[in-house]
């Protein structure tokens, strides 16, 4: 579980850094922003899944 959380933290930092880098661009391709938003949403869903399963395991 700890490894999964560490991996998700790494992905989260990568997404945040990408947002920062793209924010510096004068012209930002719409597709880049859409793809980044999709990655962020996927990460959030994965995190919710992991945390929910963790809570279920603890209550069992």
C-alpha atoms as a PDB file:
ATOM      1  CA  UNK A   1       0.000   0.000   0.000  1.00  0.00           C
ATOM      2  CA  UNK A   2       2.779   2.418   0.882  1.00  0.00           C
ATOM      3  CA  UNK A   3       4.434   1.862  -2.480  1.00  0.00           C
ATOM      4  CA  UNK A   4       1.165   2.601  -4.263  1.00  0.00           C
ATOM      5  CA  UNK A   5       0.749   5.848  -2.330  1.00  0.00           C
ATOM      6  CA  UNK A   6       4.345   6.830  -3.109  1.00  0.00           C
ATOM      7  CA  UNK A   7       3.775   6.149  -6.790  1.00  0.00           C
ATOM      8  CA  UNK A   8       0.613   8.243  -6.785  1.00  0.00           C
ATOM      9  CA  UNK A   9       2.483  11.071  -5.088  1.00  0.00           C
ATOM     10  CA  UNK A  10       5.133  10.943  -7.817  1.00  0.00           C
ATOM     11  CA  UNK A  11       2.428  11.054 -10.499  1.00  0.00           C
ATOM     12  CA  UNK A  12       0.718  13.942  -8.721  1.00  0.00           C
ATOM     13  CA  UNK A  13       3.970  15.920  -8.616  1.00  0.00           C
ATOM     14  CA  UNK A  14       4.523  15.227 -12.309  1.00  0.00           C
ATOM     15  CA  UNK A  15       1.052  16.513 -13.172  1.00  0.00           C
ATOM     16  CA  UNK A  16       1.546  19.629 -11.050  1.00  0.00           C
ATOM     17  CA  UNK A  17       4.958  20.297 -12.641  1.00  0.00           C
ATOM     18  CA  UNK A  18       3.461  19.879 -16.095  1.00  0.00           C
ATOM     19  CA  UNK A  19       0.735  22.402 -15.265  1.00  0.00           C
ATOM     20  CA  UNK A  20       3.465  24.835 -14.187  1.00  0.00           C
ATOM     21  CA  UNK A  21       5.472  24.307 -17.368  1.00  0.00           C
ATOM     22  CA  UNK A  22       2.446  24.630 -19.615  1.00  0.00           C
ATOM     23  CA  UNK A  23       1.453  27.799 -17.783  1.00  0.00           C
ATOM     24  CA  UNK A  24       4.653  29.415 -19.018  1.00  0.00           C
ATOM     25  CA  UNK A  25       3.822  28.784 -22.653  1.00  0.00           C
ATOM     26  CA  UNK A  26       2.371  31.620 -24.678  1.00  0.00           C
ATOM     27  CA  UNK A  27       0.389  29.292 -26.891  1.00  0.00           C
ATOM     28  CA  UNK A  28      -0.962  26.217 -25.256  1.00  0.00           C
ATOM     29  CA  UNK A  29      -2.434  23.484 -27.430  1.00  0.00           C
ATOM     30  CA  UNK A  30      -5.943  22.718 -26.175  1.00  0.00           C
ATOM     31  CA  UNK A  31      -5.313  18.998 -26.523  1.00  0.00           C
ATOM     32  CA  UNK A  32      -2.394  19.209 -24.082  1.00  0.00           C
ATOM     33  CA  UNK A  33      -4.559  20.787 -21.422  1.00  0.00           C
ATOM     34  CA  UNK A  34      -7.384  18.305 -22.030  1.00  0.00           C
ATOM     35  CA  UNK A  35      -5.002  15.346 -21.759  1.00  0.00           C
ATOM     36  CA  UNK A  36      -3.461  16.720 -18.594  1.00  0.00           C
ATOM     37  CA  UNK A  37      -6.885  17.225 -17.038  1.00  0.00           C
ATOM     38  CA  UNK A  38      -7.800  13.627 -17.939  1.00  0.00           C
ATOM     39  CA  UNK A  39      -4.607  12.404 -16.280  1.00  0.00           C
ATOM     40  CA  UNK A  40      -5.447  14.380 -13.159  1.00  0.00           C
ATOM     41  CA  UNK A  41      -8.981  12.959 -13.053  1.00  0.00           C
ATOM     42  CA  UNK A  42      -7.673   9.416 -13.537  1.00  0.00           C
ATOM     43  CA  UNK A  43      -5.199   9.878 -10.707  1.00  0.00           C
ATOM     44  CA  UNK A  44      -7.954  11.161  -8.430  1.00  0.00           C
ATOM     45  CA  UNK A  45     -10.143   8.150  -9.244  1.00  0.00           C
ATOM     46  CA  UNK A  46      -7.266   5.766  -8.602  1.00  0.00           C
ATOM     47  CA  UNK A  47      -6.503   7.453  -5.306  1.00  0.00           C
ATOM     48  CA  UNK A  48     -10.155   7.235  -4.235  1.00  0.00           C
ATOM     49  CA  UNK A  49     -10.175   3.541  -5.137  1.00  0.00           C
ATOM     50  CA  UNK A  50      -7.026   2.814  -3.136  1.00  0.00           C
ATOM     51  CA  UNK A  51      -8.211   4.756  -0.104  1.00  0.00           C
ATOM     52  CA  UNK A  52     -11.642   3.129  -0.180  1.00  0.00           C
ATOM     53  CA  UNK A  53     -10.132  -0.361  -0.339  1.00  0.00           C
ATOM     54  CA  UNK A  54      -7.741   0.543   2.449  1.00  0.00           C
ATOM     55  CA  UNK A  55     -10.651   1.622   4.639  1.00  0.00           C
ATOM     56  CA  UNK A  56     -12.550  -1.581   3.822  1.00  0.00           C
ATOM     57  CA  UNK A  57      -9.517  -3.711   4.683  1.00  0.00           C
ATOM     58  CA  UNK A  58      -9.116  -1.963   8.030  1.00  0.00           C
ATOM     59  CA  UNK A  59     -12.766  -2.423   8.952  1.00  0.00           C
ATOM     60  CA  UNK A  60     -12.732  -6.154   8.102  1.00  0.00           C
END
